[in-house]
Amino acid sequence: MALRTGQVNISSSGFPAELGTVNVDFVMSEALRQAEIDVLLLIENRATELERSDVAYLPFELSEQPSPFVRCKMRGHFTKQLMDVKDSTQCPSLAQYLNLLQQVSVVR
C-alpha cells in the first residue's frame, strides 16, 4: 500500500479572461482531472507488470469525499505521509485539515 502525492499549481496570471475565470471550482476540477490521469497511468503500469491488459482500461470514477483521509488515519495508514503533506503544502486550509486529522485516534 502506498500514498502518492504531488502538487497542482494553477495560476491565473497570464490566463486570458476570454477563457473563463480561474476560481476554486476550476482548480478543483483540474486537480480531479490530474488525479484521474495519475490513477489511469498507475493502473496501466500495473496491468503491464502483471501482463493483464484486460484490466488496464477498466472504468473507474473518483469522487470527492466529505472527510478525506479519516478512514486512513483511523486504520493507522499513511500517517507519516499525510503529515509530510501537511508540512509541505502551500494550501492553508489543507494544512489546517491535516492538523485536525492528527487528533483522530487509530482504531485497533
PDB file of N, CA and C in Angstrom:
ATOM      1  N   MET A   1       0.850  -1.163   0.000  1.00  0.00           N
ATOM      2  CA  MET A   1       0.000   0.000   0.000  1.00  0.00           C
ATOM      3  C   MET A   1       0.907   1.241   0.000  1.00  0.00           C
ATOM      4  N   ALA A   2       0.543   2.217  -0.795  1.00  0.00           N
ATOM      5  CA  ALA A   2       1.357   3.416  -0.903  1.00  0.00           C
ATOM      6  C   ALA A   2       0.457   4.634  -1.075  1.00  0.00           C
ATOM      7  N   LEU A   3       0.973   5.764  -0.669  1.00  0.00           N
ATOM      8  CA  LEU A   3       0.284   7.029  -0.879  1.00  0.00           C
ATOM      9  C   LEU A   3       1.136   7.848  -1.834  1.00  0.00           C
ATOM     10  N   ARG A   4       0.551   8.224  -2.933  1.00  0.00           N
ATOM     11  CA  ARG A   4       1.268   9.052  -3.905  1.00  0.00           C
ATOM     12  C   ARG A   4       0.830  10.494  -3.700  1.00  0.00           C
ATOM     13  N   THR A   5       1.774  11.382  -3.731  1.00  0.00           N
ATOM     14  CA  THR A   5       1.456  12.797  -3.572  1.00  0.00           C
ATOM     15  C   THR A   5       2.052  13.588  -4.729  1.00  0.00           C
ATOM     16  N   GLY A   6       1.535  14.754  -4.896  1.00  0.00           N
ATOM     17  CA  GLY A   6       2.038  15.645  -5.924  1.00  0.00           C
ATOM     18  C   GLY A   6       1.404  17.009  -5.734  1.00  0.00           C
ATOM     19  N   GLN A   7       1.811  17.936  -6.548  1.00  0.00           N
ATOM     20  CA  GLN A   7       1.273  19.289  -6.455  1.00  0.00           C
ATOM     21  C   GLN A   7       0.565  19.648  -7.745  1.00  0.00           C
ATOM     22  N   VAL A   8      -0.454  20.452  -7.598  1.00  0.00           N
ATOM     23  CA  VAL A   8      -1.119  21.050  -8.742  1.00  0.00           C
ATOM     24  C   VAL A   8      -0.987  22.548  -8.550  1.00  0.00           C
ATOM     25  N   ASN A   9      -0.220  23.172  -9.404  1.00  0.00           N
ATOM     26  CA  ASN A   9      -0.018  24.621  -9.323  1.00  0.00           C
ATOM     27  C   ASN A   9      -0.739  25.282 -10.491  1.00  0.00           C
ATOM     28  N   ILE A  10      -1.755  26.059 -10.165  1.00  0.00           N
ATOM     29  CA  ILE A  10      -2.534  26.745 -11.188  1.00  0.00           C
ATOM     30  C   ILE A  10      -2.525  28.229 -10.856  1.00  0.00           C
ATOM     31  N   SER A  11      -2.114  29.010 -11.816  1.00  0.00           N
ATOM     32  CA  SER A  11      -2.038  30.452 -11.616  1.00  0.00           C
ATOM     33  C   SER A  11      -2.965  31.137 -12.620  1.00  0.00           C
ATOM     34  N   SER A  12      -3.615  32.176 -12.165  1.00  0.00           N
ATOM     35  CA  SER A  12      -4.490  32.917 -13.080  1.00  0.00           C
ATOM     36  C   SER A  12      -3.736  34.001 -13.833  1.00  0.00           C
ATOM     37  N   SER A  13      -2.492  34.234 -13.460  1.00  0.00           N
ATOM     38  CA  SER A  13      -1.745  35.259 -14.186  1.00  0.00           C
ATOM     39  C   SER A  13      -1.426  34.747 -15.594  1.00  0.00           C
ATOM     40  N   GLY A  14      -1.613  35.595 -16.563  1.00  0.00           N
ATOM     41  CA  GLY A  14      -1.387  35.215 -17.944  1.00  0.00           C
ATOM     42  C   GLY A  14      -2.503  34.368 -18.524  1.00  0.00           C
ATOM     43  N   PHE A  15      -3.617  34.265 -17.811  1.00  0.00           N
ATOM     44  CA  PHE A  15      -4.762  33.476 -18.263  1.00  0.00           C
ATOM     45  C   PHE A  15      -5.762  34.439 -18.889  1.00  0.00           C
ATOM     46  N   PRO A  16      -5.962  34.380 -20.203  1.00  0.00           N
ATOM     47  CA  PRO A  16      -6.881  35.323 -20.857  1.00  0.00           C
ATOM     48  C   PRO A  16      -8.300  35.224 -20.299  1.00  0.00           C
ATOM     49  N   ALA A  17      -8.896  36.350 -20.011  1.00  0.00           N
ATOM     50  CA  ALA A  17     -10.251  36.393 -19.454  1.00  0.00           C
ATOM     51  C   ALA A  17     -11.256  35.697 -20.361  1.00  0.00           C
ATOM     52  N   GLU A  18     -10.981  35.693 -21.649  1.00  0.00           N
ATOM     53  CA  GLU A  18     -11.896  35.060 -22.601  1.00  0.00           C
ATOM     54  C   GLU A  18     -12.000  33.543 -22.385  1.00  0.00           C
ATOM     55  N   LEU A  19     -11.027  32.956 -21.717  1.00  0.00           N
ATOM     56  CA  LEU A  19     -11.037  31.514 -21.476  1.00  0.00           C
ATOM     57  C   LEU A  19     -11.779  31.136 -20.201  1.00  0.00           C
ATOM     58  N   GLY A  20     -12.251  32.118 -19.466  1.00  0.00           N
ATOM     59  CA  GLY A  20     -13.015  31.830 -18.253  1.00  0.00           C
ATOM     60  C   GLY A  20     -12.305  32.298 -17.010  1.00  0.00           C
ATOM     61  N   THR A  21     -12.933  32.054 -15.890  1.00  0.00           N
ATOM     62  CA  THR A  21     -12.414  32.501 -14.605  1.00  0.00           C
ATOM     63  C   THR A  21     -11.678  31.364 -13.914  1.00  0.00           C
ATOM     64  N   VAL A  22     -10.522  31.678 -13.375  1.00  0.00           N
ATOM     65  CA  VAL A  22      -9.783  30.709 -12.565  1.00  0.00           C
ATOM     66  C   VAL A  22     -10.236  30.923 -11.127  1.00  0.00           C
ATOM     67  N   ASN A  23     -11.126  30.008 -10.671  1.00  0.00           N
ATOM     68  CA  ASN A  23     -11.642  30.095  -9.316  1.00  0.00           C
ATOM     69  C   ASN A  23     -11.482  28.728  -8.648  1.00  0.00           C
ATOM     70  N   VAL A  24     -12.035  28.573  -7.482  1.00  0.00           N
ATOM     71  CA  VAL A  24     -11.896  27.318  -6.743  1.00  0.00           C
ATOM     72  C   VAL A  24     -12.492  26.147  -7.523  1.00  0.00           C
ATOM     73  N   ASP A  25     -13.641  26.345  -8.137  1.00  0.00           N
ATOM     74  CA  ASP A  25     -14.271  25.265  -8.908  1.00  0.00           C
ATOM     75  C   ASP A  25     -13.378  24.821 -10.066  1.00  0.00           C
ATOM     76  N   PHE A  26     -12.794  25.796 -10.757  1.00  0.00           N
ATOM     77  CA  PHE A  26     -11.888  25.482 -11.864  1.00  0.00           C
ATOM     78  C   PHE A  26     -10.685  24.694 -11.362  1.00  0.00           C
ATOM     79  N   VAL A  27     -10.084  25.146 -10.277  1.00  0.00           N
ATOM     80  CA  VAL A  27      -8.896  24.493  -9.724  1.00  0.00           C
ATOM     81  C   VAL A  27      -9.230  23.072  -9.258  1.00  0.00           C
ATOM     82  N   MET A  28     -10.350  22.897  -8.566  1.00  0.00           N
ATOM     83  CA  MET A  28     -10.748  21.572  -8.094  1.00  0.00           C
ATOM     84  C   MET A  28     -10.993  20.633  -9.270  1.00  0.00           C
ATOM     85  N   SER A  29     -11.628  21.126 -10.309  1.00  0.00           N
ATOM     86  CA  SER A  29     -11.883  20.313 -11.490  1.00  0.00           C
ATOM     87  C   SER A  29     -10.578  19.877 -12.152  1.00  0.00           C
ATOM     88  N   GLU A  30      -9.645  20.786 -12.264  1.00  0.00           N
ATOM     89  CA  GLU A  30      -8.348  20.454 -12.860  1.00  0.00           C
ATOM     90  C   GLU A  30      -7.561  19.482 -11.990  1.00  0.00           C
ATOM     91  N   ALA A  31      -7.614  19.652 -10.679  1.00  0.00           N
ATOM     92  CA  ALA A  31      -6.917  18.739  -9.766  1.00  0.00           C
ATOM     93  C   ALA A  31      -7.517  17.336  -9.851  1.00  0.00           C
ATOM     94  N   LEU A  32      -8.836  17.242  -9.919  1.00  0.00           N
ATOM     95  CA  LEU A  32      -9.500  15.946 -10.061  1.00  0.00           C
ATOM     96  C   LEU A  32      -9.105  15.292 -11.376  1.00  0.00           C
ATOM     97  N   ARG A  33      -9.066  16.060 -12.425  1.00  0.00           N
ATOM     98  CA  ARG A  33      -8.663  15.512 -13.735  1.00  0.00           C
ATOM     99  C   ARG A  33      -7.233  14.999 -13.685  1.00  0.00           C
ATOM    100  N   GLN A  34      -6.337  15.726 -13.032  1.00  0.00           N
ATOM    101  CA  GLN A  34      -4.951  15.278 -12.917  1.00  0.00           C
ATOM    102  C   GLN A  34      -4.862  13.984 -12.105  1.00  0.00           C
ATOM    103  N   ALA A  35      -5.660  13.886 -11.042  1.00  0.00           N
ATOM    104  CA  ALA A  35      -5.685  12.660 -10.237  1.00  0.00           C
ATOM    105  C   ALA A  35      -6.182  11.488 -11.081  1.00  0.00           C
ATOM    106  N   GLU A  36      -7.197  11.705 -11.903  1.00  0.00           N
ATOM    107  CA  GLU A  36      -7.706  10.650 -12.781  1.00  0.00           C
ATOM    108  C   GLU A  36      -6.624  10.178 -13.752  1.00  0.00           C
ATOM    109  N   ILE A  37      -5.865  11.107 -14.308  1.00  0.00           N
ATOM    110  CA  ILE A  37      -4.770  10.752 -15.216  1.00  0.00           C
ATOM    111  C   ILE A  37      -3.723   9.931 -14.471  1.00  0.00           C
ATOM    112  N   ASP A  38      -3.370  10.347 -13.270  1.00  0.00           N
ATOM    113  CA  ASP A  38      -2.374   9.619 -12.470  1.00  0.00           C
ATOM    114  C   ASP A  38      -2.846   8.206 -12.141  1.00  0.00           C
ATOM    115  N   VAL A  39      -4.112   8.051 -11.750  1.00  0.00           N
ATOM    116  CA  VAL A  39      -4.655   6.720 -11.435  1.00  0.00           C
ATOM    117  C   VAL A  39      -4.652   5.850 -12.693  1.00  0.00           C
ATOM    118  N   LEU A  40      -5.047   6.406 -13.805  1.00  0.00           N
ATOM    119  CA  LEU A  40      -5.058   5.654 -15.057  1.00  0.00           C
ATOM    120  C   LEU A  40      -3.653   5.156 -15.395  1.00  0.00           C
ATOM    121  N   LEU A  41      -2.660   5.999 -15.249  1.00  0.00           N
ATOM    122  CA  LEU A  41      -1.274   5.594 -15.524  1.00  0.00           C
ATOM    123  C   LEU A  41      -0.811   4.503 -14.564  1.00  0.00           C
ATOM    124  N   LEU A  42      -1.177   4.611 -13.295  1.00  0.00           N
ATOM    125  CA  LEU A  42      -0.829   3.572 -12.329  1.00  0.00           C
ATOM    126  C   LEU A  42      -1.459   2.232 -12.705  1.00  0.00           C
ATOM    127  N   ILE A  43      -2.730   2.263 -13.084  1.00  0.00           N
ATOM    128  CA  ILE A  43      -3.424   1.039 -13.481  1.00  0.00           C
ATOM    129  C   ILE A  43      -2.789   0.447 -14.741  1.00  0.00           C
ATOM    130  N   GLU A  44      -2.493   1.273 -15.708  1.00  0.00           N
ATOM    131  CA  GLU A  44      -1.861   0.789 -16.937  1.00  0.00           C
ATOM    132  C   GLU A  44      -0.510   0.141 -16.634  1.00  0.00           C
ATOM    133  N   ASN A  45       0.293   0.795 -15.807  1.00  0.00           N
ATOM    134  CA  ASN A  45       1.610   0.247 -15.459  1.00  0.00           C
ATOM    135  C   ASN A  45       1.483  -1.072 -14.724  1.00  0.00           C
ATOM    136  N   ARG A  46       0.555  -1.144 -13.777  1.00  0.00           N
ATOM    137  CA  ARG A  46       0.375  -2.379 -13.004  1.00  0.00           C
ATOM    138  C   ARG A  46      -0.154  -3.502 -13.902  1.00  0.00           C
ATOM    139  N   ALA A  47      -1.063  -3.185 -14.812  1.00  0.00           N
ATOM    140  CA  ALA A  47      -1.576  -4.188 -15.741  1.00  0.00           C
ATOM    141  C   ALA A  47      -0.454  -4.732 -16.621  1.00  0.00           C
ATOM    142  N   THR A  48       0.458  -3.860 -17.039  1.00  0.00           N
ATOM    143  CA  THR A  48       1.604  -4.293 -17.836  1.00  0.00           C
ATOM    144  C   THR A  48       2.506  -5.211 -17.017  1.00  0.00           C
ATOM    145  N   GLU A  49       2.793  -4.836 -15.764  1.00  0.00           N
ATOM    146  CA  GLU A  49       3.627  -5.670 -14.891  1.00  0.00           C
ATOM    147  C   GLU A  49       3.026  -7.060 -14.723  1.00  0.00           C
ATOM    148  N   LEU A  50       1.710  -7.116 -14.592  1.00  0.00           N
ATOM    149  CA  LEU A  50       1.022  -8.391 -14.365  1.00  0.00           C
ATOM    150  C   LEU A  50       0.661  -9.107 -15.661  1.00  0.00           C
ATOM    151  N   GLU A  51       0.982  -8.462 -16.790  1.00  0.00           N
ATOM    152  CA  GLU A  51       0.597  -8.984 -18.102  1.00  0.00           C
ATOM    153  C   GLU A  51      -0.908  -9.228 -18.170  1.00  0.00           C
ATOM    154  N   ARG A  52      -1.661  -8.229 -17.698  1.00  0.00           N
ATOM    155  CA  ARG A  52      -3.128  -8.294 -17.668  1.00  0.00           C
ATOM    156  C   ARG A  52      -3.702  -7.082 -18.402  1.00  0.00           C
ATOM    157  N   SER A  53      -3.517  -7.056 -19.692  1.00  0.00           N
ATOM    158  CA  SER A  53      -4.014  -5.915 -20.469  1.00  0.00           C
ATOM    159  C   SER A  53      -5.530  -5.767 -20.360  1.00  0.00           C
ATOM    160  N   ASP A  54      -6.222  -6.845 -19.983  1.00  0.00           N
ATOM    161  CA  ASP A  54      -7.679  -6.783 -19.867  1.00  0.00           C
ATOM    162  C   ASP A  54      -8.144  -5.860 -18.746  1.00  0.00           C
ATOM    163  N   VAL A  55      -7.291  -5.604 -17.761  1.00  0.00           N
ATOM    164  CA  VAL A  55      -7.695  -4.725 -16.662  1.00  0.00           C
ATOM    165  C   VAL A  55      -7.140  -3.307 -16.803  1.00  0.00           C
ATOM    166  N   ALA A  56      -6.330  -3.088 -17.801  1.00  0.00           N
ATOM    167  CA  ALA A  56      -5.665  -1.788 -17.949  1.00  0.00           C
ATOM    168  C   ALA A  56      -6.641  -0.636 -18.137  1.00  0.00           C
ATOM    169  N   TYR A  57      -7.771  -0.905 -18.749  1.00  0.00           N
ATOM    170  CA  TYR A  57      -8.680   0.187 -19.082  1.00  0.00           C
ATOM    171  C   TYR A  57     -10.067  -0.008 -18.485  1.00  0.00           C
ATOM    172  N   LEU A  58     -10.124  -0.694 -17.366  1.00  0.00           N
ATOM    173  CA  LEU A  58     -11.413  -0.833 -16.690  1.00  0.00           C
ATOM    174  C   LEU A  58     -11.876   0.542 -16.211  1.00  0.00           C
ATOM    175  N   PRO A  59     -13.157   0.805 -16.288  1.00  0.00           N
ATOM    176  CA  PRO A  59     -13.646   2.117 -15.868  1.00  0.00           C
ATOM    177  C   PRO A  59     -13.524   2.311 -14.354  1.00  0.00           C
ATOM    178  N   PHE A  60     -13.295   3.534 -13.955  1.00  0.00           N
ATOM    179  CA  PHE A  60     -13.268   3.903 -12.544  1.00  0.00           C
ATOM    180  C   PHE A  60     -13.759   5.331 -12.439  1.00  0.00           C
ATOM    181  N   GLU A  61     -14.152   5.691 -11.250  1.00  0.00           N
ATOM    182  CA  GLU A  61     -14.632   7.057 -11.028  1.00  0.00           C
ATOM    183  C   GLU A  61     -14.102   7.555  -9.698  1.00  0.00           C
ATOM    184  N   LEU A  62     -13.492   8.701  -9.700  1.00  0.00           N
ATOM    185  CA  LEU A  62     -13.060   9.349  -8.470  1.00  0.00           C
ATOM    186  C   LEU A  62     -14.156  10.308  -8.042  1.00  0.00           C
ATOM    187  N   SER A  63     -14.356  10.411  -6.755  1.00  0.00           N
ATOM    188  CA  SER A  63     -15.365  11.352  -6.269  1.00  0.00           C
ATOM    189  C   SER A  63     -14.854  12.028  -5.006  1.00  0.00           C
ATOM    190  N   GLU A  64     -15.315  13.229  -4.813  1.00  0.00           N
ATOM    191  CA  GLU A  64     -14.942  13.991  -3.632  1.00  0.00           C
ATOM    192  C   GLU A  64     -15.623  13.376  -2.408  1.00  0.00           C
ATOM    193  N   GLN A  65     -14.878  13.226  -1.340  1.00  0.00           N
ATOM    194  CA  GLN A  65     -15.402  12.647  -0.111  1.00  0.00           C
ATOM    195  C   GLN A  65     -15.505  13.739   0.957  1.00  0.00           C
ATOM    196  N   PRO A  66     -16.509  13.662   1.830  1.00  0.00           N
ATOM    197  CA  PRO A  66     -16.699  14.723   2.817  1.00  0.00           C
ATOM    198  C   PRO A  66     -15.579  14.797   3.861  1.00  0.00           C
ATOM    199  N   SER A  67     -14.970  13.682   4.201  1.00  0.00           N
ATOM    200  CA  SER A  67     -13.892  13.675   5.207  1.00  0.00           C
ATOM    201  C   SER A  67     -12.733  12.825   4.703  1.00  0.00           C
ATOM    202  N   PRO A  68     -11.997  13.334   3.726  1.00  0.00           N
ATOM    203  CA  PRO A  68     -10.924  12.520   3.158  1.00  0.00           C
ATOM    204  C   PRO A  68      -9.855  12.188   4.190  1.00  0.00           C
ATOM    205  N   PHE A  69      -9.301  11.027   4.093  1.00  0.00           N
ATOM    206  CA  PHE A  69      -8.185  10.528   4.902  1.00  0.00           C
ATOM    207  C   PHE A  69      -8.567  10.108   6.312  1.00  0.00           C
ATOM    208  N   VAL A  70      -9.802  10.359   6.762  1.00  0.00           N
ATOM    209  CA  VAL A  70     -10.176   9.978   8.130  1.00  0.00           C
ATOM    210  C   VAL A  70     -10.083   8.468   8.298  1.00  0.00           C
ATOM    211  N   ARG A  71     -10.590   7.709   7.329  1.00  0.00           N
ATOM    212  CA  ARG A  71     -10.524   6.248   7.434  1.00  0.00           C
ATOM    213  C   ARG A  71      -9.081   5.769   7.456  1.00  0.00           C
ATOM    214  N   CYS A  72      -8.237   6.395   6.650  1.00  0.00           N
ATOM    215  CA  CYS A  72      -6.816   6.017   6.650  1.00  0.00           C
ATOM    216  C   CYS A  72      -6.211   6.263   8.032  1.00  0.00           C
ATOM    217  N   LYS A  73      -6.497   7.412   8.612  1.00  0.00           N
ATOM    218  CA  LYS A  73      -5.949   7.752   9.929  1.00  0.00           C
ATOM    219  C   LYS A  73      -6.478   6.792  10.983  1.00  0.00           C
ATOM    220  N   MET A  74      -7.765   6.462  10.929  1.00  0.00           N
ATOM    221  CA  MET A  74      -8.343   5.543  11.909  1.00  0.00           C
ATOM    222  C   MET A  74      -7.698   4.159  11.828  1.00  0.00           C
ATOM    223  N   ARG A  75      -7.258   3.785  10.646  1.00  0.00           N
ATOM    224  CA  ARG A  75      -6.615   2.478  10.463  1.00  0.00           C
ATOM    225  C   ARG A  75      -5.102   2.544  10.652  1.00  0.00           C
ATOM    226  N   GLY A  76      -4.594   3.745  10.864  1.00  0.00           N
ATOM    227  CA  GLY A  76      -3.156   3.911  11.042  1.00  0.00           C
ATOM    228  C   GLY A  76      -2.371   3.857   9.747  1.00  0.00           C
ATOM    229  N   HIS A  77      -3.060   4.081   8.613  1.00  0.00           N
ATOM    230  CA  HIS A  77      -2.405   4.047   7.305  1.00  0.00           C
ATOM    231  C   HIS A  77      -1.961   5.442   6.885  1.00  0.00           C
ATOM    232  N   PHE A  78      -0.809   5.540   6.311  1.00  0.00           N
ATOM    233  CA  PHE A  78      -0.280   6.768   5.695  1.00  0.00           C
ATOM    234  C   PHE A  78      -0.092   7.922   6.677  1.00  0.00           C
ATOM    235  N   THR A  79       0.036   7.629   7.954  1.00  0.00           N
ATOM    236  CA  THR A  79       0.155   8.696   8.962  1.00  0.00           C
ATOM    237  C   THR A  79       1.339   9.602   8.669  1.00  0.00           C
ATOM    238  N   LYS A  80       2.509   9.027   8.461  1.00  0.00           N
ATOM    239  CA  LYS A  80       3.702   9.842   8.195  1.00  0.00           C
ATOM    240  C   LYS A  80       3.559  10.613   6.884  1.00  0.00           C
ATOM    241  N   GLN A  81       3.053   9.946   5.848  1.00  0.00           N
ATOM    242  CA  GLN A  81       2.914  10.615   4.555  1.00  0.00           C
ATOM    243  C   GLN A  81       1.942  11.793   4.629  1.00  0.00           C
ATOM    244  N   LEU A  82       0.838  11.623   5.351  1.00  0.00           N
ATOM    245  CA  LEU A  82      -0.121  12.718   5.479  1.00  0.00           C
ATOM    246  C   LEU A  82       0.477  13.896   6.238  1.00  0.00           C
ATOM    247  N   MET A  83       1.303  13.614   7.228  1.00  0.00           N
ATOM    248  CA  MET A  83       1.954  14.705   7.959  1.00  0.00           C
ATOM    249  C   MET A  83       3.028  15.370   7.094  1.00  0.00           C
ATOM    250  N   ASP A  84       3.662  14.598   6.216  1.00  0.00           N
ATOM    251  CA  ASP A  84       4.605  15.189   5.259  1.00  0.00           C
ATOM    252  C   ASP A  84       3.866  16.144   4.315  1.00  0.00           C
ATOM    253  N   VAL A  85       2.662  15.743   3.890  1.00  0.00           N
ATOM    254  CA  VAL A  85       1.849  16.628   3.043  1.00  0.00           C
ATOM    255  C   VAL A  85       1.502  17.890   3.818  1.00  0.00           C
ATOM    256  N   LYS A  86       1.092  17.723   5.079  1.00  0.00           N
ATOM    257  CA  LYS A  86       0.736  18.882   5.916  1.00  0.00           C
ATOM    258  C   LYS A  86       1.913  19.859   6.013  1.00  0.00           C
ATOM    259  N   ASP A  87       3.099  19.314   6.201  1.00  0.00           N
ATOM    260  CA  ASP A  87       4.282  20.159   6.370  1.00  0.00           C
ATOM    261  C   ASP A  87       4.734  20.821   5.073  1.00  0.00           C
ATOM    262  N   SER A  88       4.387  20.233   3.931  1.00  0.00           N
ATOM    263  CA  SER A  88       4.894  20.777   2.672  1.00  0.00           C
ATOM    264  C   SER A  88       3.856  21.545   1.856  1.00  0.00           C
ATOM    265  N   THR A  89       2.577  21.444   2.227  1.00  0.00           N
ATOM    266  CA  THR A  89       1.555  22.100   1.415  1.00  0.00           C
ATOM    267  C   THR A  89       1.643  23.622   1.513  1.00  0.00           C
ATOM    268  N   GLN A  90       1.231  24.255   0.437  1.00  0.00           N
ATOM    269  CA  GLN A  90       1.128  25.709   0.421  1.00  0.00           C
ATOM    270  C   GLN A  90      -0.328  26.146   0.538  1.00  0.00           C
ATOM    271  N   CYS A  91      -1.179  25.196   0.851  1.00  0.00           N
ATOM    272  CA  CYS A  91      -2.617  25.457   0.987  1.00  0.00           C
ATOM    273  C   CYS A  91      -2.968  25.483   2.476  1.00  0.00           C
ATOM    274  N   PRO A  92      -3.226  26.658   3.040  1.00  0.00           N
ATOM    275  CA  PRO A  92      -3.506  26.751   4.477  1.00  0.00           C
ATOM    276  C   PRO A  92      -4.684  25.900   4.940  1.00  0.00           C
ATOM    277  N   SER A  93      -5.745  25.809   4.134  1.00  0.00           N
ATOM    278  CA  SER A  93      -6.901  25.024   4.572  1.00  0.00           C
ATOM    279  C   SER A  93      -6.580  23.524   4.597  1.00  0.00           C
ATOM    280  N   LEU A  94      -5.756  23.047   3.680  1.00  0.00           N
ATOM    281  CA  LEU A  94      -5.337  21.645   3.711  1.00  0.00           C
ATOM    282  C   LEU A  94      -4.455  21.384   4.924  1.00  0.00           C
ATOM    283  N   ALA A  95      -3.532  22.284   5.207  1.00  0.00           N
ATOM    284  CA  ALA A  95      -2.669  22.128   6.377  1.00  0.00           C
ATOM    285  C   ALA A  95      -3.500  22.106   7.660  1.00  0.00           C
ATOM    286  N   GLN A  96      -4.494  22.972   7.756  1.00  0.00           N
ATOM    287  CA  GLN A  96      -5.359  23.008   8.937  1.00  0.00           C
ATOM    288  C   GLN A  96      -6.146  21.702   9.063  1.00  0.00           C
ATOM    289  N   TYR A  97      -6.691  21.210   7.954  1.00  0.00           N
ATOM    290  CA  TYR A  97      -7.448  19.958   7.964  1.00  0.00           C
ATOM    291  C   TYR A  97      -6.552  18.800   8.423  1.00  0.00           C
ATOM    292  N   LEU A  98      -5.348  18.709   7.870  1.00  0.00           N
ATOM    293  CA  LEU A  98      -4.436  17.625   8.235  1.00  0.00           C
ATOM    294  C   LEU A  98      -3.964  17.756   9.678  1.00  0.00           C
ATOM    295  N   ASN A  99      -3.863  18.975  10.156  1.00  0.00           N
ATOM    296  CA  ASN A  99      -3.522  19.188  11.561  1.00  0.00           C
ATOM    297  C   ASN A  99      -4.639  18.657  12.457  1.00  0.00           C
ATOM    298  N   LEU A 100      -5.889  18.933  12.104  1.00  0.00           N
ATOM    299  CA  LEU A 100      -7.032  18.396  12.855  1.00  0.00           C
ATOM    300  C   LEU A 100      -7.085  16.857  12.760  1.00  0.00           C
ATOM    301  N   LEU A 101      -6.700  16.340  11.629  1.00  0.00           N
ATOM    302  CA  LEU A 101      -6.705  14.885  11.423  1.00  0.00           C
ATOM    303  C   LEU A 101      -5.781  14.174  12.402  1.00  0.00           C
ATOM    304  N   GLN A 102      -4.745  14.854  12.852  1.00  0.00           N
ATOM    305  CA  GLN A 102      -3.826  14.252  13.828  1.00  0.00           C
ATOM    306  C   GLN A 102      -4.549  13.874  15.121  1.00  0.00           C
ATOM    307  N   GLN A 103      -5.669  14.519  15.405  1.00  0.00           N
ATOM    308  CA  GLN A 103      -6.397  14.245  16.652  1.00  0.00           C
ATOM    309  C   GLN A 103      -7.243  12.970  16.575  1.00  0.00           C
ATOM    310  N   VAL A 104      -7.403  12.404  15.375  1.00  0.00           N
ATOM    311  CA  VAL A 104      -8.188  11.182  15.216  1.00  0.00           C
ATOM    312  C   VAL A 104      -7.369  10.005  15.738  1.00  0.00           C
ATOM    313  N   SER A 105      -8.003   9.195  16.561  1.00  0.00           N
ATOM    314  CA  SER A 105      -7.325   8.032  17.156  1.00  0.00           C
ATOM    315  C   SER A 105      -7.340   6.855  16.202  1.00  0.00           C
ATOM    316  N   VAL A 106      -6.285   6.057  16.277  1.00  0.00           N
ATOM    317  CA  VAL A 106      -6.211   4.826  15.497  1.00  0.00           C
ATOM    318  C   VAL A 106      -7.079   3.788  16.206  1.00  0.00           C
ATOM    319  N   VAL A 107      -7.924   3.112  15.442  1.00  0.00           N
ATOM    320  CA  VAL A 107      -8.800   2.077  15.972  1.00  0.00           C
ATOM    321  C   VAL A 107      -8.106   0.742  15.815  1.00  0.00           C
ATOM    322  N   ARG A 108      -7.953   0.029  16.889  1.00  0.00           N
ATOM    323  CA  ARG A 108      -7.268  -1.283  16.848  1.00  0.00           C
ATOM    324  C   ARG A 108      -8.252  -2.399  16.989  1.00  0.00           C
TER     325      ARG A 108
END
